[in-house]
Amino acid sequence: QVMKPSCDYAGKKGVTLGIEDHGGITARASTLLEILRRVDSPFAGINLDITNFREDYYAQIEACIPYATHTHIRDVFENHEPVDLDRVFKMFAQAGYKGYMSAEYEGSEDPMTGVPKLIEKIRALCKKYSSV
């Protein structure tokens, strides 16, 4: 109920709103997609955090990519399981994703060394999949 008028207003300003998969009702791709279906606006999308899903990670990420307005990239899921970033970047490339991505580091390693490693992984994967 709130998103539809918000998206109408955002559209007048040239802005797209993204709802994040961040627990609660937005913890499943199916719910996010249903919200977008009901809002039915070209100014509504998903602020996709690839590590916030609790199950079937890759299927849910893949379902949301076509609607992603922005993406958070981390290299571990909430349960500390490593993310197969190569698989994720391949999905983004195959979907033709052209949006922004931000690195989000929450690993156990010191951020002074962990963040540069994550950035290097992202750079390498962007380069690898930029022509797909």
N, C-alpha and C. Protein backbone atom coordinates (compact mmCIF):
# COMPACT_ATOMS: atom_id res chain seq x y z
N GLN A 1 0.82 -1.20 0.00
CA GLN A 1 0.00 0.00 0.00
C GLN A 1 0.86 1.26 0.00
N VAL A 2 1.98 1.19 0.66
CA VAL A 2 2.85 2.36 0.76
C VAL A 2 3.74 2.50 -0.47
N MET A 3 4.16 1.38 -1.02
CA MET A 3 5.12 1.45 -2.13
C MET A 3 4.55 2.04 -3.40
N LYS A 4 3.30 1.75 -3.71
CA LYS A 4 2.73 2.23 -4.97
C LYS A 4 2.79 3.75 -5.07
N PRO A 5 2.22 4.50 -4.09
CA PRO A 5 2.32 5.97 -4.20
C PRO A 5 3.76 6.47 -4.10
N SER A 6 4.59 5.75 -3.34
CA SER A 6 6.00 6.15 -3.24
C SER A 6 6.70 6.00 -4.58
N CYS A 7 6.39 4.91 -5.30
CA CYS A 7 6.98 4.69 -6.62
C CYS A 7 6.45 5.69 -7.64
N ASP A 8 5.18 6.04 -7.52
CA ASP A 8 4.61 7.07 -8.41
C ASP A 8 5.36 8.39 -8.22
N TYR A 9 5.59 8.76 -6.97
CA TYR A 9 6.32 9.98 -6.67
C TYR A 9 7.77 9.87 -7.15
N ALA A 10 8.40 8.74 -6.86
CA ALA A 10 9.79 8.52 -7.27
C ALA A 10 9.94 8.65 -8.78
N GLY A 11 8.98 8.09 -9.51
CA GLY A 11 9.02 8.15 -10.97
C GLY A 11 9.00 9.58 -11.48
N LYS A 12 8.25 10.43 -10.83
CA LYS A 12 8.19 11.85 -11.23
C LYS A 12 9.54 12.54 -11.02
N LYS A 13 10.34 12.00 -10.12
CA LYS A 13 11.65 12.57 -9.82
C LYS A 13 12.78 11.82 -10.52
N GLY A 14 12.42 10.80 -11.32
CA GLY A 14 13.43 10.03 -12.03
C GLY A 14 14.20 9.06 -11.15
N VAL A 15 13.56 8.58 -10.11
CA VAL A 15 14.20 7.70 -9.14
C VAL A 15 13.50 6.34 -9.15
N THR A 16 14.26 5.29 -8.95
CA THR A 16 13.70 3.95 -8.79
C THR A 16 13.91 3.51 -7.35
N LEU A 17 12.87 3.00 -6.71
CA LEU A 17 12.97 2.51 -5.34
C LEU A 17 13.28 1.02 -5.34
N GLY A 18 14.18 0.63 -4.49
CA GLY A 18 14.52 -0.79 -4.35
C GLY A 18 14.20 -1.29 -2.96
N ILE A 19 13.45 -2.37 -2.88
CA ILE A 19 13.15 -2.99 -1.59
C ILE A 19 14.19 -4.08 -1.34
N GLU A 20 14.79 -4.06 -0.16
CA GLU A 20 15.89 -4.99 0.13
C GLU A 20 15.38 -6.30 0.74
N ASP A 21 15.99 -7.38 0.32
CA ASP A 21 15.76 -8.68 0.94
C ASP A 21 16.52 -8.69 2.26
N HIS A 22 15.82 -8.37 3.33
CA HIS A 22 16.52 -8.15 4.60
C HIS A 22 15.72 -8.72 5.77
N GLY A 23 15.34 -9.98 5.66
CA GLY A 23 14.61 -10.62 6.75
C GLY A 23 13.13 -10.30 6.73
N GLY A 24 12.42 -10.86 7.69
CA GLY A 24 10.98 -10.62 7.78
C GLY A 24 10.27 -11.03 6.51
N ILE A 25 9.34 -10.19 6.07
CA ILE A 25 8.56 -10.53 4.88
C ILE A 25 9.37 -10.49 3.60
N THR A 26 10.54 -9.88 3.64
CA THR A 26 11.36 -9.80 2.42
C THR A 26 12.46 -10.85 2.37
N ALA A 27 12.38 -11.86 3.19
CA ALA A 27 13.43 -12.88 3.27
C ALA A 27 13.35 -13.93 2.17
N ARG A 28 12.32 -13.88 1.35
CA ARG A 28 12.17 -14.87 0.27
C ARG A 28 11.93 -14.15 -1.06
N ALA A 29 12.56 -14.66 -2.10
CA ALA A 29 12.40 -14.07 -3.43
C ALA A 29 10.94 -14.06 -3.85
N SER A 30 10.20 -15.11 -3.54
CA SER A 30 8.80 -15.18 -3.96
C SER A 30 7.98 -14.03 -3.38
N THR A 31 8.27 -13.64 -2.15
CA THR A 31 7.55 -12.52 -1.53
C THR A 31 7.95 -11.21 -2.18
N LEU A 32 9.24 -11.02 -2.41
CA LEU A 32 9.70 -9.80 -3.08
C LEU A 32 9.06 -9.65 -4.45
N LEU A 33 9.02 -10.74 -5.20
CA LEU A 33 8.44 -10.68 -6.54
C LEU A 33 6.94 -10.42 -6.49
N GLU A 34 6.27 -10.94 -5.47
CA GLU A 34 4.84 -10.67 -5.31
C GLU A 34 4.60 -9.20 -4.97
N ILE A 35 5.45 -8.63 -4.13
CA ILE A 35 5.34 -7.20 -3.82
C ILE A 35 5.50 -6.38 -5.10
N LEU A 36 6.50 -6.70 -5.90
CA LEU A 36 6.71 -5.97 -7.15
C LEU A 36 5.53 -6.14 -8.10
N ARG A 37 4.96 -7.34 -8.14
CA ARG A 37 3.80 -7.58 -9.01
C ARG A 37 2.64 -6.69 -8.57
N ARG A 38 2.42 -6.60 -7.28
CA ARG A 38 1.30 -5.79 -6.77
C ARG A 38 1.54 -4.30 -6.96
N VAL A 39 2.78 -3.87 -6.78
CA VAL A 39 3.10 -2.45 -6.96
C VAL A 39 2.98 -2.07 -8.43
N ASP A 40 3.41 -2.97 -9.31
CA ASP A 40 3.26 -2.80 -10.75
C ASP A 40 3.75 -1.44 -11.23
N SER A 41 5.01 -1.15 -10.96
CA SER A 41 5.59 0.13 -11.35
C SER A 41 6.98 -0.09 -11.93
N PRO A 42 7.30 0.63 -13.01
CA PRO A 42 8.67 0.55 -13.53
C PRO A 42 9.68 1.23 -12.60
N PHE A 43 9.18 1.88 -11.56
CA PHE A 43 10.06 2.58 -10.61
C PHE A 43 10.21 1.80 -9.30
N ALA A 44 9.89 0.51 -9.34
CA ALA A 44 10.07 -0.38 -8.19
C ALA A 44 11.01 -1.51 -8.58
N GLY A 45 11.92 -1.84 -7.70
CA GLY A 45 12.85 -2.93 -7.96
C GLY A 45 13.32 -3.53 -6.65
N ILE A 46 14.40 -4.28 -6.74
CA ILE A 46 14.96 -4.96 -5.56
C ILE A 46 16.38 -4.46 -5.32
N ASN A 47 16.64 -4.04 -4.09
CA ASN A 47 18.00 -3.74 -3.64
C ASN A 47 18.54 -5.08 -3.14
N LEU A 48 19.18 -5.81 -4.03
CA LEU A 48 19.51 -7.21 -3.80
C LEU A 48 20.78 -7.40 -2.98
N ASP A 49 20.63 -7.97 -1.79
CA ASP A 49 21.78 -8.39 -1.00
C ASP A 49 21.86 -9.90 -1.17
N ILE A 50 22.85 -10.35 -1.89
CA ILE A 50 22.92 -11.76 -2.29
C ILE A 50 23.06 -12.71 -1.10
N THR A 51 23.41 -12.20 0.07
CA THR A 51 23.64 -13.10 1.22
C THR A 51 22.53 -13.07 2.26
N ASN A 52 21.44 -12.40 1.99
CA ASN A 52 20.38 -12.31 3.00
C ASN A 52 19.32 -13.39 2.91
N PHE A 53 19.34 -14.23 1.89
CA PHE A 53 18.37 -15.31 1.83
C PHE A 53 18.79 -16.42 2.78
N ARG A 54 17.84 -17.15 3.33
CA ARG A 54 18.13 -18.17 4.34
C ARG A 54 18.22 -19.58 3.77
N GLU A 55 17.74 -19.78 2.56
CA GLU A 55 17.74 -21.12 1.94
C GLU A 55 17.71 -20.96 0.44
N ASP A 56 18.03 -22.02 -0.26
CA ASP A 56 18.02 -22.01 -1.73
C ASP A 56 18.65 -20.73 -2.27
N TYR A 57 19.82 -20.40 -1.74
CA TYR A 57 20.45 -19.11 -2.03
C TYR A 57 20.49 -18.78 -3.52
N TYR A 58 21.07 -19.67 -4.28
CA TYR A 58 21.34 -19.34 -5.68
C TYR A 58 20.07 -19.24 -6.51
N ALA A 59 19.08 -20.07 -6.23
CA ALA A 59 17.81 -19.98 -6.96
C ALA A 59 17.11 -18.66 -6.64
N GLN A 60 17.18 -18.23 -5.39
CA GLN A 60 16.53 -16.97 -5.02
C GLN A 60 17.27 -15.77 -5.59
N ILE A 61 18.59 -15.82 -5.57
CA ILE A 61 19.38 -14.74 -6.18
C ILE A 61 19.02 -14.63 -7.66
N GLU A 62 19.03 -15.76 -8.34
CA GLU A 62 18.75 -15.77 -9.78
C GLU A 62 17.36 -15.23 -10.09
N ALA A 63 16.37 -15.55 -9.26
CA ALA A 63 15.00 -15.07 -9.47
C ALA A 63 14.91 -13.55 -9.32
N CYS A 64 15.75 -12.98 -8.48
CA CYS A 64 15.68 -11.54 -8.21
C CYS A 64 16.53 -10.68 -9.14
N ILE A 65 17.54 -11.25 -9.75
CA ILE A 65 18.46 -10.46 -10.58
C ILE A 65 17.76 -9.59 -11.63
N PRO A 66 16.76 -10.09 -12.35
CA PRO A 66 16.13 -9.23 -13.36
C PRO A 66 15.47 -7.97 -12.79
N TYR A 67 15.22 -7.94 -11.50
CA TYR A 67 14.54 -6.82 -10.86
C TYR A 67 15.48 -5.99 -9.99
N ALA A 68 16.77 -6.36 -9.98
CA ALA A 68 17.74 -5.69 -9.11
C ALA A 68 18.04 -4.28 -9.60
N THR A 69 17.94 -3.34 -8.68
CA THR A 69 18.29 -1.95 -8.97
C THR A 69 19.70 -1.64 -8.46
N HIS A 70 20.13 -2.41 -7.50
CA HIS A 70 21.45 -2.27 -6.87
C HIS A 70 21.74 -3.60 -6.20
N THR A 71 23.01 -3.93 -6.04
CA THR A 71 23.37 -5.23 -5.47
C THR A 71 24.49 -5.09 -4.44
N HIS A 72 24.32 -5.78 -3.32
CA HIS A 72 25.36 -5.88 -2.30
C HIS A 72 26.09 -7.19 -2.52
N ILE A 73 27.40 -7.13 -2.59
CA ILE A 73 28.21 -8.33 -2.80
C ILE A 73 29.01 -8.63 -1.54
N ARG A 74 28.77 -9.79 -0.98
CA ARG A 74 29.55 -10.31 0.15
C ARG A 74 30.07 -11.68 -0.25
N ASP A 75 31.07 -12.15 0.47
CA ASP A 75 31.62 -13.46 0.11
C ASP A 75 31.27 -14.57 1.10
N VAL A 76 30.43 -14.25 2.08
CA VAL A 76 29.91 -15.28 2.99
C VAL A 76 28.43 -15.04 3.25
N PHE A 77 27.68 -16.14 3.34
CA PHE A 77 26.27 -16.05 3.70
C PHE A 77 26.14 -15.80 5.20
N GLU A 78 24.93 -15.51 5.65
CA GLU A 78 24.67 -15.25 7.07
C GLU A 78 25.15 -16.40 7.96
N ASN A 79 25.10 -17.63 7.45
CA ASN A 79 25.52 -18.79 8.24
C ASN A 79 27.03 -19.06 8.13
N HIS A 80 27.76 -18.11 7.54
CA HIS A 80 29.22 -18.16 7.37
C HIS A 80 29.67 -19.13 6.29
N GLU A 81 28.74 -19.67 5.53
CA GLU A 81 29.08 -20.52 4.38
C GLU A 81 29.61 -19.61 3.27
N PRO A 82 30.70 -19.98 2.60
CA PRO A 82 31.23 -19.13 1.53
C PRO A 82 30.28 -19.04 0.33
N VAL A 83 30.25 -17.87 -0.27
CA VAL A 83 29.45 -17.64 -1.47
C VAL A 83 30.29 -18.04 -2.68
N ASP A 84 29.70 -18.75 -3.60
CA ASP A 84 30.36 -19.06 -4.87
C ASP A 84 30.18 -17.83 -5.76
N LEU A 85 31.08 -16.86 -5.58
CA LEU A 85 30.95 -15.59 -6.31
C LEU A 85 31.06 -15.78 -7.81
N ASP A 86 31.85 -16.73 -8.26
CA ASP A 86 31.93 -16.98 -9.70
C ASP A 86 30.55 -17.36 -10.24
N ARG A 87 29.86 -18.23 -9.55
CA ARG A 87 28.51 -18.64 -9.95
C ARG A 87 27.55 -17.45 -9.95
N VAL A 88 27.64 -16.62 -8.93
CA VAL A 88 26.76 -15.46 -8.81
C VAL A 88 27.04 -14.46 -9.94
N PHE A 89 28.30 -14.15 -10.19
CA PHE A 89 28.63 -13.20 -11.25
C PHE A 89 28.22 -13.73 -12.63
N LYS A 90 28.33 -15.02 -12.82
CA LYS A 90 27.89 -15.61 -14.09
C LYS A 90 26.39 -15.40 -14.26
N MET A 91 25.62 -15.57 -13.18
CA MET A 91 24.17 -15.34 -13.25
C MET A 91 23.87 -13.88 -13.61
N PHE A 92 24.59 -12.95 -12.99
CA PHE A 92 24.38 -11.53 -13.30
C PHE A 92 24.71 -11.25 -14.76
N ALA A 93 25.81 -11.80 -15.23
CA ALA A 93 26.23 -11.57 -16.62
C ALA A 93 25.20 -12.14 -17.59
N GLN A 94 24.75 -13.36 -17.34
CA GLN A 94 23.78 -13.99 -18.23
C GLN A 94 22.45 -13.25 -18.24
N ALA A 95 22.12 -12.58 -17.13
CA ALA A 95 20.87 -11.81 -17.06
C ALA A 95 21.03 -10.41 -17.66
N GLY A 96 22.27 -10.04 -18.02
CA GLY A 96 22.50 -8.72 -18.60
C GLY A 96 22.45 -7.59 -17.58
N TYR A 97 22.76 -7.87 -16.33
CA TYR A 97 22.70 -6.86 -15.27
C TYR A 97 23.66 -5.71 -15.57
N LYS A 98 23.15 -4.49 -15.49
CA LYS A 98 23.95 -3.29 -15.77
C LYS A 98 23.97 -2.33 -14.58
N GLY A 99 23.44 -2.76 -13.45
CA GLY A 99 23.34 -1.87 -12.29
C GLY A 99 24.62 -1.79 -11.48
N TYR A 100 24.52 -1.08 -10.39
CA TYR A 100 25.65 -0.90 -9.49
C TYR A 100 25.76 -2.08 -8.53
N MET A 101 26.99 -2.29 -8.06
CA MET A 101 27.26 -3.29 -7.04
C MET A 101 28.12 -2.63 -5.97
N SER A 102 27.85 -2.97 -4.72
CA SER A 102 28.70 -2.48 -3.64
C SER A 102 29.26 -3.66 -2.87
N ALA A 103 30.51 -3.53 -2.46
CA ALA A 103 31.14 -4.56 -1.64
C ALA A 103 30.70 -4.36 -0.20
N GLU A 104 30.34 -5.45 0.44
CA GLU A 104 29.91 -5.40 1.83
C GLU A 104 30.69 -6.49 2.57
N TYR A 105 31.58 -6.08 3.44
CA TYR A 105 32.46 -7.05 4.10
C TYR A 105 32.02 -7.27 5.54
N GLU A 106 31.75 -8.53 5.87
CA GLU A 106 31.42 -8.90 7.24
C GLU A 106 32.12 -10.19 7.63
N GLY A 107 33.28 -10.41 7.05
CA GLY A 107 34.04 -11.62 7.32
C GLY A 107 34.74 -11.58 8.68
N SER A 108 35.36 -12.67 9.04
CA SER A 108 36.04 -12.77 10.33
C SER A 108 37.46 -12.21 10.29
N GLU A 109 37.99 -12.06 9.09
CA GLU A 109 39.34 -11.52 8.93
C GLU A 109 39.34 -10.02 9.21
N ASP A 110 40.47 -9.49 9.63
CA ASP A 110 40.61 -8.05 9.84
C ASP A 110 40.19 -7.32 8.56
N PRO A 111 39.28 -6.34 8.67
CA PRO A 111 38.82 -5.63 7.48
C PRO A 111 39.93 -4.98 6.66
N MET A 112 41.04 -4.63 7.30
CA MET A 112 42.15 -4.01 6.57
C MET A 112 42.75 -4.96 5.54
N THR A 113 42.62 -6.26 5.76
CA THR A 113 43.08 -7.24 4.77
C THR A 113 41.91 -7.91 4.06
N GLY A 114 40.79 -8.09 4.76
CA GLY A 114 39.63 -8.76 4.17
C GLY A 114 38.96 -7.96 3.07
N VAL A 115 38.81 -6.65 3.27
CA VAL A 115 38.15 -5.81 2.26
C VAL A 115 38.94 -5.79 0.95
N PRO A 116 40.25 -5.53 0.98
CA PRO A 116 40.99 -5.56 -0.29
C PRO A 116 40.89 -6.89 -1.02
N LYS A 117 40.87 -8.00 -0.28
CA LYS A 117 40.73 -9.31 -0.92
C LYS A 117 39.37 -9.44 -1.61
N LEU A 118 38.32 -8.98 -0.93
CA LEU A 118 36.98 -9.04 -1.53
C LEU A 118 36.92 -8.15 -2.78
N ILE A 119 37.47 -6.95 -2.69
CA ILE A 119 37.48 -6.04 -3.85
C ILE A 119 38.22 -6.67 -5.02
N GLU A 120 39.33 -7.33 -4.75
CA GLU A 120 40.09 -7.98 -5.82
C GLU A 120 39.29 -9.10 -6.46
N LYS A 121 38.57 -9.88 -5.65
CA LYS A 121 37.70 -10.94 -6.21
C LYS A 121 36.65 -10.32 -7.13
N ILE A 122 36.03 -9.24 -6.66
CA ILE A 122 34.98 -8.57 -7.44
C ILE A 122 35.56 -8.04 -8.75
N ARG A 123 36.71 -7.38 -8.69
CA ARG A 123 37.35 -6.86 -9.91
C ARG A 123 37.62 -7.98 -10.91
N ALA A 124 38.19 -9.07 -10.42
CA ALA A 124 38.52 -10.19 -11.31
C ALA A 124 37.27 -10.78 -11.95
N LEU A 125 36.20 -10.90 -11.18
CA LEU A 125 34.96 -11.46 -11.72
C LEU A 125 34.27 -10.49 -12.68
N CYS A 126 34.34 -9.20 -12.39
CA CYS A 126 33.79 -8.21 -13.33
C CYS A 126 34.52 -8.30 -14.66
N LYS A 127 35.83 -8.40 -14.59
CA LYS A 127 36.63 -8.52 -15.81
C LYS A 127 36.30 -9.81 -16.55
N LYS A 128 36.20 -10.91 -15.82
CA LYS A 128 35.91 -12.22 -16.42
C LYS A 128 34.56 -12.23 -17.14
N TYR A 129 33.56 -11.61 -16.53
CA TYR A 129 32.21 -11.71 -17.08
C TYR A 129 31.74 -10.45 -17.82
N SER A 130 32.61 -9.49 -18.02
CA SER A 130 32.18 -8.25 -18.69
C SER A 130 31.83 -8.46 -20.15
N SER A 131 32.29 -9.53 -20.76
CA SER A 131 31.98 -9.76 -22.18
C SER A 131 30.93 -10.85 -22.39
N VAL A 132 30.37 -11.39 -21.30
CA VAL A 132 29.37 -12.47 -21.44
C VAL A 132 28.05 -11.89 -21.88
